[in-house]
Amino acid sequence: MNEGPWFWGNVGLFMTSWFLEFDPNTMVVSKMLVWVKLYNERLSKDIYTFARICVEVDLSQGLLGHIFLLHNEKQWAQPLDYENTAFRCRICRQTGHLQSACP
């Protein structure tokens, strides 16, 4: 259990110890592992690609659309592309609803 993170293909698996009150129909998972792509990472002068990192996100806080990075006194907003996240709205990038139901 403590040797993770665990994945099935590219999808992070949620694992927890069993407990007496466990009910898979009502248990809410608030944290999960996701792969995030950081596009436009420069490989050379003419070639752009992406970096890919695995992070644990707190779904109750929503998913960030970008982060600010600082390197050699240069700061920029780096867009985040989450892989294999279920029910992520394309408008507000929050989990729990789709674009058609975005508040």
PDB file of N, CA and C in Angstrom:
ATOM      1  N   MET A   1       0.816  -1.205   0.000  1.00  0.00           N
ATOM      2  CA  MET A   1       0.000   0.000   0.000  1.00  0.00           C
ATOM      3  C   MET A   1       0.854   1.261   0.000  1.00  0.00           C
ATOM      4  N   ASN A   2       2.020   1.225   0.626  1.00  0.00           N
ATOM      5  CA  ASN A   2       2.845   2.426   0.751  1.00  0.00           C
ATOM      6  C   ASN A   2       3.920   2.535  -0.315  1.00  0.00           C
ATOM      7  N   GLU A   3       3.972   1.599  -1.257  1.00  0.00           N
ATOM      8  CA  GLU A   3       5.010   1.620  -2.274  1.00  0.00           C
ATOM      9  C   GLU A   3       4.584   2.329  -3.550  1.00  0.00           C
ATOM     10  N   GLY A   4       3.385   2.898  -3.593  1.00  0.00           N
ATOM     11  CA  GLY A   4       2.840   3.530  -4.787  1.00  0.00           C
ATOM     12  C   GLY A   4       3.659   4.728  -5.221  1.00  0.00           C
ATOM     13  N   PRO A   5       3.212   5.511  -6.172  1.00  0.00           N
ATOM     14  CA  PRO A   5       1.846   5.495  -6.699  1.00  0.00           C
ATOM     15  C   PRO A   5       1.586   4.302  -7.618  1.00  0.00           C
ATOM     16  N   TRP A   6       0.313   3.935  -7.723  1.00  0.00           N
ATOM     17  CA  TRP A   6      -0.109   2.800  -8.530  1.00  0.00           C
ATOM     18  C   TRP A   6      -0.900   3.288  -9.732  1.00  0.00           C
ATOM     19  N   PHE A   7      -0.678   2.652 -10.864  1.00  0.00           N
ATOM     20  CA  PHE A   7      -1.371   3.029 -12.097  1.00  0.00           C
ATOM     21  C   PHE A   7      -1.871   1.797 -12.818  1.00  0.00           C
ATOM     22  N   TRP A   8      -2.960   1.959 -13.544  1.00  0.00           N
ATOM     23  CA  TRP A   8      -3.467   0.966 -14.484  1.00  0.00           C
ATOM     24  C   TRP A   8      -3.364   1.654 -15.840  1.00  0.00           C
ATOM     25  N   GLY A   9      -2.330   1.332 -16.592  1.00  0.00           N
ATOM     26  CA  GLY A   9      -2.046   2.092 -17.812  1.00  0.00           C
ATOM     27  C   GLY A   9      -1.608   3.489 -17.402  1.00  0.00           C
ATOM     28  N   ASN A  10      -2.302   4.514 -17.906  1.00  0.00           N
ATOM     29  CA  ASN A  10      -1.993   5.898 -17.553  1.00  0.00           C
ATOM     30  C   ASN A  10      -2.883   6.446 -16.449  1.00  0.00           C
ATOM     31  N   VAL A  11      -3.804   5.628 -15.936  1.00  0.00           N
ATOM     32  CA  VAL A  11      -4.778   6.102 -14.961  1.00  0.00           C
ATOM     33  C   VAL A  11      -4.322   5.743 -13.552  1.00  0.00           C
ATOM     34  N   GLY A  12      -4.289   6.752 -12.677  1.00  0.00           N
ATOM     35  CA  GLY A  12      -3.902   6.520 -11.289  1.00  0.00           C
ATOM     36  C   GLY A  12      -4.964   5.723 -10.557  1.00  0.00           C
ATOM     37  N   LEU A  13      -4.536   4.802  -9.714  1.00  0.00           N
ATOM     38  CA  LEU A  13      -5.453   3.993  -8.913  1.00  0.00           C
ATOM     39  C   LEU A  13      -5.516   4.531  -7.498  1.00  0.00           C
ATOM     40  N   PHE A  14      -6.736   4.625  -6.993  1.00  0.00           N
ATOM     41  CA  PHE A  14      -6.937   5.022  -5.606  1.00  0.00           C
ATOM     42  C   PHE A  14      -6.929   3.764  -4.756  1.00  0.00           C
ATOM     43  N   MET A  15      -6.062   3.719  -3.759  1.00  0.00           N
ATOM     44  CA  MET A  15      -5.990   2.560  -2.879  1.00  0.00           C
ATOM     45  C   MET A  15      -6.032   3.028  -1.438  1.00  0.00           C
ATOM     46  N   THR A  16      -6.780   2.307  -0.626  1.00  0.00           N
ATOM     47  CA  THR A  16      -6.841   2.588   0.798  1.00  0.00           C
ATOM     48  C   THR A  16      -7.050   1.279   1.534  1.00  0.00           C
ATOM     49  N   SER A  17      -6.684   1.248   2.790  1.00  0.00           N
ATOM     50  CA  SER A  17      -6.915   0.063   3.594  1.00  0.00           C
ATOM     51  C   SER A  17      -8.417  -0.122   3.808  1.00  0.00           C
ATOM     52  N   TRP A  18      -8.840  -1.383   3.828  1.00  0.00           N
ATOM     53  CA  TRP A  18     -10.247  -1.673   4.054  1.00  0.00           C
ATOM     54  C   TRP A  18     -10.604  -1.321   5.494  1.00  0.00           C
ATOM     55  N   PHE A  19     -11.838  -0.861   5.711  1.00  0.00           N
ATOM     56  CA  PHE A  19     -12.329  -0.591   7.060  1.00  0.00           C
ATOM     57  C   PHE A  19     -13.775  -1.044   7.138  1.00  0.00           C
ATOM     58  N   LEU A  20     -14.257  -1.280   8.338  1.00  0.00           N
ATOM     59  CA  LEU A  20     -15.559  -1.897   8.560  1.00  0.00           C
ATOM     60  C   LEU A  20     -16.706  -1.154   7.894  1.00  0.00           C
ATOM     61  N   GLU A  21     -16.686   0.168   7.908  1.00  0.00           N
ATOM     62  CA  GLU A  21     -17.783   0.967   7.348  1.00  0.00           C
ATOM     63  C   GLU A  21     -17.631   1.230   5.849  1.00  0.00           C
ATOM     64  N   PHE A  22     -16.679   0.580   5.194  1.00  0.00           N
ATOM     65  CA  PHE A  22     -16.427   0.833   3.771  1.00  0.00           C
ATOM     66  C   PHE A  22     -17.662   0.534   2.933  1.00  0.00           C
ATOM     67  N   ASP A  23     -18.062   1.515   2.124  1.00  0.00           N
ATOM     68  CA  ASP A  23     -19.190   1.357   1.201  1.00  0.00           C
ATOM     69  C   ASP A  23     -18.769   2.014  -0.113  1.00  0.00           C
ATOM     70  N   PRO A  24     -18.475   1.209  -1.142  1.00  0.00           N
ATOM     71  CA  PRO A  24     -17.997   1.788  -2.404  1.00  0.00           C
ATOM     72  C   PRO A  24     -19.031   2.674  -3.097  1.00  0.00           C
ATOM     73  N   ASN A  25     -20.291   2.556  -2.729  1.00  0.00           N
ATOM     74  CA  ASN A  25     -21.337   3.374  -3.346  1.00  0.00           C
ATOM     75  C   ASN A  25     -21.420   4.775  -2.766  1.00  0.00           C
ATOM     76  N   THR A  26     -20.899   4.970  -1.566  1.00  0.00           N
ATOM     77  CA  THR A  26     -21.001   6.288  -0.940  1.00  0.00           C
ATOM     78  C   THR A  26     -19.651   6.941  -0.668  1.00  0.00           C
ATOM     79  N   MET A  27     -18.568   6.188  -0.798  1.00  0.00           N
ATOM     80  CA  MET A  27     -17.245   6.750  -0.514  1.00  0.00           C
ATOM     81  C   MET A  27     -16.869   7.790  -1.563  1.00  0.00           C
ATOM     82  N   VAL A  28     -16.423   8.933  -1.106  1.00  0.00           N
ATOM     83  CA  VAL A  28     -16.020  10.021  -1.991  1.00  0.00           C
ATOM     84  C   VAL A  28     -14.502  10.121  -1.975  1.00  0.00           C
ATOM     85  N   VAL A  29     -13.897  10.050  -3.136  1.00  0.00           N
ATOM     86  CA  VAL A  29     -12.450  10.191  -3.267  1.00  0.00           C
ATOM     87  C   VAL A  29     -12.150  11.667  -3.491  1.00  0.00           C
ATOM     88  N   SER A  30     -11.357  12.248  -2.606  1.00  0.00           N
ATOM     89  CA  SER A  30     -11.067  13.675  -2.746  1.00  0.00           C
ATOM     90  C   SER A  30      -9.692  13.944  -3.349  1.00  0.00           C
ATOM     91  N   LYS A  31      -8.797  12.956  -3.289  1.00  0.00           N
ATOM     92  CA  LYS A  31      -7.461  13.131  -3.861  1.00  0.00           C
ATOM     93  C   LYS A  31      -7.182  12.010  -4.844  1.00  0.00           C
ATOM     94  N   MET A  32      -6.485  12.351  -5.919  1.00  0.00           N
ATOM     95  CA  MET A  32      -6.115  11.336  -6.894  1.00  0.00           C
ATOM     96  C   MET A  32      -4.833  11.736  -7.600  1.00  0.00           C
ATOM     97  N   LEU A  33      -4.157  10.747  -8.174  1.00  0.00           N
ATOM     98  CA  LEU A  33      -2.954  10.981  -8.957  1.00  0.00           C
ATOM     99  C   LEU A  33      -3.338  11.207 -10.409  1.00  0.00           C
ATOM    100  N   VAL A  34      -2.756  12.204 -11.027  1.00  0.00           N
ATOM    101  CA  VAL A  34      -2.998  12.466 -12.445  1.00  0.00           C
ATOM    102  C   VAL A  34      -1.687  12.815 -13.124  1.00  0.00           C
ATOM    103  N   TRP A  35      -1.628  12.537 -14.402  1.00  0.00           N
ATOM    104  CA  TRP A  35      -0.501  12.968 -15.230  1.00  0.00           C
ATOM    105  C   TRP A  35      -0.865  14.327 -15.805  1.00  0.00           C
ATOM    106  N   VAL A  36       0.082  15.245 -15.759  1.00  0.00           N
ATOM    107  CA  VAL A  36      -0.119  16.607 -16.259  1.00  0.00           C
ATOM    108  C   VAL A  36       0.928  16.875 -17.327  1.00  0.00           C
ATOM    109  N   LYS A  37       0.472  17.391 -18.465  1.00  0.00           N
ATOM    110  CA  LYS A  37       1.397  17.795 -19.522  1.00  0.00           C
ATOM    111  C   LYS A  37       1.638  19.297 -19.436  1.00  0.00           C
ATOM    112  N   LEU A  38       2.895  19.663 -19.538  1.00  0.00           N
ATOM    113  CA  LEU A  38       3.298  21.066 -19.604  1.00  0.00           C
ATOM    114  C   LEU A  38       3.806  21.307 -21.022  1.00  0.00           C
ATOM    115  N   TYR A  39       2.962  21.898 -21.856  1.00  0.00           N
ATOM    116  CA  TYR A  39       3.310  22.094 -23.263  1.00  0.00           C
ATOM    117  C   TYR A  39       4.287  23.246 -23.453  1.00  0.00           C
ATOM    118  N   ASN A  40       4.864  23.262 -24.635  1.00  0.00           N
ATOM    119  CA  ASN A  40       5.785  24.314 -25.077  1.00  0.00           C
ATOM    120  C   ASN A  40       7.085  24.335 -24.299  1.00  0.00           C
ATOM    121  N   GLU A  41       7.534  23.162 -23.843  1.00  0.00           N
ATOM    122  CA  GLU A  41       8.859  23.075 -23.238  1.00  0.00           C
ATOM    123  C   GLU A  41       9.856  22.938 -24.375  1.00  0.00           C
ATOM    124  N   ARG A  42      10.781  23.849 -24.474  1.00  0.00           N
ATOM    125  CA  ARG A  42      11.694  23.914 -25.617  1.00  0.00           C
ATOM    126  C   ARG A  42      12.763  22.846 -25.535  1.00  0.00           C
ATOM    127  N   LEU A  43      12.808  22.002 -26.569  1.00  0.00           N
ATOM    128  CA  LEU A  43      13.824  20.959 -26.659  1.00  0.00           C
ATOM    129  C   LEU A  43      15.090  21.522 -27.316  1.00  0.00           C
ATOM    130  N   SER A  44      14.910  22.296 -28.356  1.00  0.00           N
ATOM    131  CA  SER A  44      16.007  23.001 -29.010  1.00  0.00           C
ATOM    132  C   SER A  44      15.415  24.273 -29.609  1.00  0.00           C
ATOM    133  N   LYS A  45      16.202  24.987 -30.384  1.00  0.00           N
ATOM    134  CA  LYS A  45      15.745  26.272 -30.914  1.00  0.00           C
ATOM    135  C   LYS A  45      14.465  26.149 -31.736  1.00  0.00           C
ATOM    136  N   ASP A  46      14.322  25.082 -32.534  1.00  0.00           N
ATOM    137  CA  ASP A  46      13.183  24.960 -33.440  1.00  0.00           C
ATOM    138  C   ASP A  46      12.193  23.862 -33.060  1.00  0.00           C
ATOM    139  N   ILE A  47      12.460  23.120 -32.002  1.00  0.00           N
ATOM    140  CA  ILE A  47      11.601  21.997 -31.649  1.00  0.00           C
ATOM    141  C   ILE A  47      10.977  22.225 -30.278  1.00  0.00           C
ATOM    142  N   TYR A  48       9.645  22.172 -30.239  1.00  0.00           N
ATOM    143  CA  TYR A  48       8.922  22.289 -28.981  1.00  0.00           C
ATOM    144  C   TYR A  48       8.260  20.956 -28.669  1.00  0.00           C
ATOM    145  N   THR A  49       8.194  20.616 -27.415  1.00  0.00           N
ATOM    146  CA  THR A  49       7.572  19.373 -26.984  1.00  0.00           C
ATOM    147  C   THR A  49       6.869  19.651 -25.660  1.00  0.00           C
ATOM    148  N   PHE A  50       6.690  18.649 -24.838  1.00  0.00           N
ATOM    149  CA  PHE A  50       6.066  18.871 -23.541  1.00  0.00           C
ATOM    150  C   PHE A  50       6.768  18.047 -22.477  1.00  0.00           C
ATOM    151  N   ALA A  51       6.670  18.531 -21.259  1.00  0.00           N
ATOM    152  CA  ALA A  51       7.106  17.766 -20.099  1.00  0.00           C
ATOM    153  C   ALA A  51       5.860  17.109 -19.520  1.00  0.00           C
ATOM    154  N   ARG A  52       6.044  15.978 -18.871  1.00  0.00           N
ATOM    155  CA  ARG A  52       4.911  15.234 -18.306  1.00  0.00           C
ATOM    156  C   ARG A  52       5.272  14.872 -16.875  1.00  0.00           C
ATOM    157  N   ILE A  53       4.417  15.259 -15.922  1.00  0.00           N
ATOM    158  CA  ILE A  53       4.687  14.983 -14.523  1.00  0.00           C
ATOM    159  C   ILE A  53       3.457  14.353 -13.868  1.00  0.00           C
ATOM    160  N   CYS A  54       3.697  13.564 -12.834  1.00  0.00           N
ATOM    161  CA  CYS A  54       2.619  12.956 -12.071  1.00  0.00           C
ATOM    162  C   CYS A  54       2.447  13.748 -10.782  1.00  0.00           C
ATOM    163  N   VAL A  55       1.220  14.188 -10.511  1.00  0.00           N
ATOM    164  CA  VAL A  55       0.955  14.957  -9.299  1.00  0.00           C
ATOM    165  C   VAL A  55      -0.291  14.420  -8.600  1.00  0.00           C
ATOM    166  N   GLU A  56      -0.349  14.615  -7.301  1.00  0.00           N
ATOM    167  CA  GLU A  56      -1.558  14.306  -6.549  1.00  0.00           C
ATOM    168  C   GLU A  56      -2.374  15.587  -6.456  1.00  0.00           C
ATOM    169  N   VAL A  57      -3.644  15.516  -6.852  1.00  0.00           N
ATOM    170  CA  VAL A  57      -4.502  16.695  -6.808  1.00  0.00           C
ATOM    171  C   VAL A  57      -5.625  16.470  -5.805  1.00  0.00           C
ATOM    172  N   ASP A  58      -6.047  17.557  -5.181  1.00  0.00           N
ATOM    173  CA  ASP A  58      -7.186  17.544  -4.272  1.00  0.00           C
ATOM    174  C   ASP A  58      -8.395  17.973  -5.083  1.00  0.00           C
ATOM    175  N   LEU A  59      -9.267  17.021  -5.399  1.00  0.00           N
ATOM    176  CA  LEU A  59     -10.408  17.297  -6.263  1.00  0.00           C
ATOM    177  C   LEU A  59     -11.394  18.274  -5.630  1.00  0.00           C
ATOM    178  N   SER A  60     -11.409  18.359  -4.309  1.00  0.00           N
ATOM    179  CA  SER A  60     -12.323  19.299  -3.660  1.00  0.00           C
ATOM    180  C   SER A  60     -11.902  20.745  -3.911  1.00  0.00           C
ATOM    181  N   GLN A  61     -10.641  20.962  -4.309  1.00  0.00           N
ATOM    182  CA  GLN A  61     -10.142  22.301  -4.603  1.00  0.00           C
ATOM    183  C   GLN A  61     -10.249  22.663  -6.084  1.00  0.00           C
ATOM    184  N   GLY A  62     -10.657  21.703  -6.915  1.00  0.00           N
ATOM    185  CA  GLY A  62     -10.712  21.943  -8.353  1.00  0.00           C
ATOM    186  C   GLY A  62      -9.339  21.807  -8.983  1.00  0.00           C
ATOM    187  N   LEU A  63      -9.292  21.884 -10.283  1.00  0.00           N
ATOM    188  CA  LEU A  63      -8.035  21.754 -11.012  1.00  0.00           C
ATOM    189  C   LEU A  63      -7.594  23.117 -11.529  1.00  0.00           C
ATOM    190  N   LEU A  64      -6.350  23.425 -11.322  1.00  0.00           N
ATOM    191  CA  LEU A  64      -5.809  24.692 -11.813  1.00  0.00           C
ATOM    192  C   LEU A  64      -5.713  24.665 -13.333  1.00  0.00           C
ATOM    193  N   GLY A  65      -5.957  25.773 -13.959  1.00  0.00           N
ATOM    194  CA  GLY A  65      -5.803  25.880 -15.404  1.00  0.00           C
ATOM    195  C   GLY A  65      -4.365  26.161 -15.802  1.00  0.00           C
ATOM    196  N   HIS A  66      -3.611  26.779 -14.889  1.00  0.00           N
ATOM    197  CA  HIS A  66      -2.211  27.101 -15.150  1.00  0.00           C
ATOM    198  C   HIS A  66      -1.483  27.311 -13.824  1.00  0.00           C
ATOM    199  N   ILE A  67      -0.176  27.317 -13.892  1.00  0.00           N
ATOM    200  CA  ILE A  67       0.671  27.681 -12.762  1.00  0.00           C
ATOM    201  C   ILE A  67       1.669  28.721 -13.249  1.00  0.00           C
ATOM    202  N   PHE A  68       2.219  29.484 -12.340  1.00  0.00           N
ATOM    203  CA  PHE A  68       3.242  30.454 -12.702  1.00  0.00           C
ATOM    204  C   PHE A  68       4.613  29.855 -12.420  1.00  0.00           C
ATOM    205  N   LEU A  69       5.488  29.924 -13.412  1.00  0.00           N
ATOM    206  CA  LEU A  69       6.844  29.420 -13.287  1.00  0.00           C
ATOM    207  C   LEU A  69       7.825  30.577 -13.378  1.00  0.00           C
ATOM    208  N   LEU A  70       8.948  30.423 -12.710  1.00  0.00           N
ATOM    209  CA  LEU A  70       9.989  31.439 -12.714  1.00  0.00           C
ATOM    210  C   LEU A  70      11.320  30.754 -12.981  1.00  0.00           C
ATOM    211  N   HIS A  71      12.041  31.243 -13.994  1.00  0.00           N
ATOM    212  CA  HIS A  71      13.357  30.701 -14.323  1.00  0.00           C
ATOM    213  C   HIS A  71      14.238  31.829 -14.848  1.00  0.00           C
ATOM    214  N   ASN A  72      15.406  31.993 -14.227  1.00  0.00           N
ATOM    215  CA  ASN A  72      16.341  33.060 -14.633  1.00  0.00           C
ATOM    216  C   ASN A  72      15.659  34.423 -14.704  1.00  0.00           C
ATOM    217  N   GLU A  73      14.882  34.728 -13.689  1.00  0.00           N
ATOM    218  CA  GLU A  73      14.177  36.003 -13.563  1.00  0.00           C
ATOM    219  C   GLU A  73      13.090  36.205 -14.614  1.00  0.00           C
ATOM    220  N   LYS A  74      12.747  35.165 -15.364  1.00  0.00           N
ATOM    221  CA  LYS A  74      11.652  35.242 -16.327  1.00  0.00           C
ATOM    222  C   LYS A  74      10.474  34.453 -15.756  1.00  0.00           C
ATOM    223  N   GLN A  75       9.301  35.079 -15.724  1.00  0.00           N
ATOM    224  CA  GLN A  75       8.107  34.430 -15.196  1.00  0.00           C
ATOM    225  C   GLN A  75       7.073  34.288 -16.306  1.00  0.00           C
ATOM    226  N   TRP A  76       6.354  33.166 -16.304  1.00  0.00           N
ATOM    227  CA  TRP A  76       5.300  32.963 -17.289  1.00  0.00           C
ATOM    228  C   TRP A  76       4.220  32.062 -16.705  1.00  0.00           C
ATOM    229  N   ALA A  77       3.022  32.168 -17.301  1.00  0.00           N
ATOM    230  CA  ALA A  77       1.909  31.297 -16.921  1.00  0.00           C
ATOM    231  C   ALA A  77       1.992  30.042 -17.773  1.00  0.00           C
ATOM    232  N   GLN A  78       2.140  28.891 -17.136  1.00  0.00           N
ATOM    233  CA  GLN A  78       2.254  27.608 -17.836  1.00  0.00           C
ATOM    234  C   GLN A  78       0.899  26.902 -17.800  1.00  0.00           C
ATOM    235  N   PRO A  79       0.228  26.749 -18.965  1.00  0.00           N
ATOM    236  CA  PRO A  79      -1.040  26.009 -18.987  1.00  0.00           C
ATOM    237  C   PRO A  79      -0.824  24.549 -18.595  1.00  0.00           C
ATOM    238  N   LEU A  80      -1.828  23.968 -17.935  1.00  0.00           N
ATOM    239  CA  LEU A  80      -1.772  22.577 -17.494  1.00  0.00           C
ATOM    240  C   LEU A  80      -2.801  21.758 -18.260  1.00  0.00           C
ATOM    241  N   ASP A  81      -2.371  20.615 -18.763  1.00  0.00           N
ATOM    242  CA  ASP A  81      -3.264  19.711 -19.479  1.00  0.00           C
ATOM    243  C   ASP A  81      -3.324  18.403 -18.706  1.00  0.00           C
ATOM    244  N   TYR A  82      -4.455  18.148 -18.055  1.00  0.00           N
ATOM    245  CA  TYR A  82      -4.624  16.954 -17.226  1.00  0.00           C
ATOM    246  C   TYR A  82      -5.049  15.778 -18.093  1.00  0.00           C
ATOM    247  N   GLU A  83      -4.374  14.650 -17.902  1.00  0.00           N
ATOM    248  CA  GLU A  83      -4.711  13.442 -18.654  1.00  0.00           C
ATOM    249  C   GLU A  83      -5.663  12.574 -17.838  1.00  0.00           C
ATOM    250  N   ASN A  84      -6.604  11.942 -18.516  1.00  0.00           N
ATOM    251  CA  ASN A  84      -7.473  10.921 -17.922  1.00  0.00           C
ATOM    252  C   ASN A  84      -8.189  11.361 -16.654  1.00  0.00           C
ATOM    253  N   THR A  85      -8.687  12.588 -16.618  1.00  0.00           N
ATOM    254  CA  THR A  85      -9.484  13.009 -15.482  1.00  0.00           C
ATOM    255  C   THR A  85     -10.947  12.945 -15.881  1.00  0.00           C
ATOM    256  N   ALA A  86     -11.716  12.273 -15.088  1.00  0.00           N
ATOM    257  CA  ALA A  86     -13.138  12.091 -15.391  1.00  0.00           C
ATOM    258  C   ALA A  86     -13.935  13.344 -15.041  1.00  0.00           C
ATOM    259  N   PHE A  87     -14.897  13.668 -15.863  1.00  0.00           N
ATOM    260  CA  PHE A  87     -15.863  14.729 -15.585  1.00  0.00           C
ATOM    261  C   PHE A  87     -15.218  16.072 -15.310  1.00  0.00           C
ATOM    262  N   ARG A  88     -14.305  16.491 -16.163  1.00  0.00           N
ATOM    263  CA  ARG A  88     -13.671  17.802 -16.034  1.00  0.00           C
ATOM    264  C   ARG A  88     -14.305  18.742 -17.037  1.00  0.00           C
ATOM    265  N   CYS A  89     -14.821  19.847 -16.559  1.00  0.00           N
ATOM    266  CA  CYS A  89     -15.464  20.832 -17.417  1.00  0.00           C
ATOM    267  C   CYS A  89     -14.424  21.511 -18.304  1.00  0.00           C
ATOM    268  N   ARG A  90     -14.730  21.658 -19.583  1.00  0.00           N
ATOM    269  CA  ARG A  90     -13.794  22.303 -20.509  1.00  0.00           C
ATOM    270  C   ARG A  90     -13.811  23.820 -20.386  1.00  0.00           C
ATOM    271  N   ILE A  91     -14.823  24.384 -19.743  1.00  0.00           N
ATOM    272  CA  ILE A  91     -14.903  25.838 -19.592  1.00  0.00           C
ATOM    273  C   ILE A  91     -14.145  26.304 -18.345  1.00  0.00           C
ATOM    274  N   CYS A  92     -14.548  25.794 -17.183  1.00  0.00           N
ATOM    275  CA  CYS A  92     -13.940  26.259 -15.929  1.00  0.00           C
ATOM    276  C   CYS A  92     -12.875  25.308 -15.396  1.00  0.00           C
ATOM    277  N   ARG A  93     -12.707  24.138 -16.019  1.00  0.00           N
ATOM    278  CA  ARG A  93     -11.700  23.141 -15.673  1.00  0.00           C
ATOM    279  C   ARG A  93     -11.898  22.535 -14.287  1.00  0.00           C
ATOM    280  N   GLN A  94     -13.124  22.654 -13.738  1.00  0.00           N
ATOM    281  CA  GLN A  94     -13.440  22.061 -12.450  1.00  0.00           C
ATOM    282  C   GLN A  94     -13.954  20.646 -12.657  1.00  0.00           C
ATOM    283  N   THR A  95     -13.799  19.801 -11.654  1.00  0.00           N
ATOM    284  CA  THR A  95     -14.315  18.440 -11.717  1.00  0.00           C
ATOM    285  C   THR A  95     -15.737  18.409 -11.167  1.00  0.00           C
ATOM    286  N   GLY A  96     -16.467  17.365 -11.526  1.00  0.00           N
ATOM    287  CA  GLY A  96     -17.804  17.165 -10.968  1.00  0.00           C
ATOM    288  C   GLY A  96     -18.937  17.575 -11.875  1.00  0.00           C
ATOM    289  N   HIS A  97     -18.666  18.271 -12.973  1.00  0.00           N
ATOM    290  CA  HIS A  97     -19.712  18.605 -13.940  1.00  0.00           C
ATOM    291  C   HIS A  97     -19.075  18.745 -15.319  1.00  0.00           C
ATOM    292  N   LEU A  98     -19.916  18.669 -16.341  1.00  0.00           N
ATOM    293  CA  LEU A  98     -19.425  18.800 -17.718  1.00  0.00           C
ATOM    294  C   LEU A  98     -19.731  20.191 -18.247  1.00  0.00           C
ATOM    295  N   GLN A  99     -19.228  20.494 -19.422  1.00  0.00           N
ATOM    296  CA  GLN A  99     -19.393  21.795 -20.043  1.00  0.00           C
ATOM    297  C   GLN A  99     -20.853  22.197 -20.151  1.00  0.00           C
ATOM    298  N   SER A 100     -21.734  21.256 -20.459  1.00  0.00           N
ATOM    299  CA  SER A 100     -23.160  21.559 -20.632  1.00  0.00           C
ATOM    300  C   SER A 100     -23.836  21.989 -19.346  1.00  0.00           C
ATOM    301  N   ALA A 101     -23.219  21.695 -18.188  1.00  0.00           N
ATOM    302  CA  ALA A 101     -23.808  22.063 -16.902  1.00  0.00           C
ATOM    303  C   ALA A 101     -22.932  23.047 -16.124  1.00  0.00           C
ATOM    304  N   CYS A 102     -22.059  23.759 -16.822  1.00  0.00           N
ATOM    305  CA  CYS A 102     -21.136  24.681 -16.138  1.00  0.00           C
ATOM    306  C   CYS A 102     -21.904  25.863 -15.529  1.00  0.00           C
ATOM    307  N   PRO A 103     -21.697  26.086 -14.244  1.00  0.00           N
ATOM    308  CA  PRO A 103     -22.397  27.225 -13.609  1.00  0.00           C
ATOM    309  C   PRO A 103     -21.822  28.553 -14.060  1.00  0.00           C
TER     310      PRO A 103
END
